[in-house]
């Protein structure tokens, strides 16, 4: 497997993105349940929920595949990026 790229496909990036996408999902679900929405807004939020669930599922698969690869190959390689300002 090629090295993972920080801020793109490292495990920490995937976990961070997964948590963010779950927060967004919770916001949309809460709005549907608790906010006084017009029908058009309700439809928009339902669509956003469907997209969020797809994104979360894809991220979960990516995380599982990454972890499986690490456990089977017993290695984890990533590119160490230089910081602009040190």
Foldseek 3Di string as FASTA:
>chain_A
DDAAEPCPQDLVNLVVVLVVLVVVLVVLVCCLVPPDDDPVVNVVSVVSNVVSVVVNVVSVVSNVVVVVVCVVVVDHGHDDDDDPPD
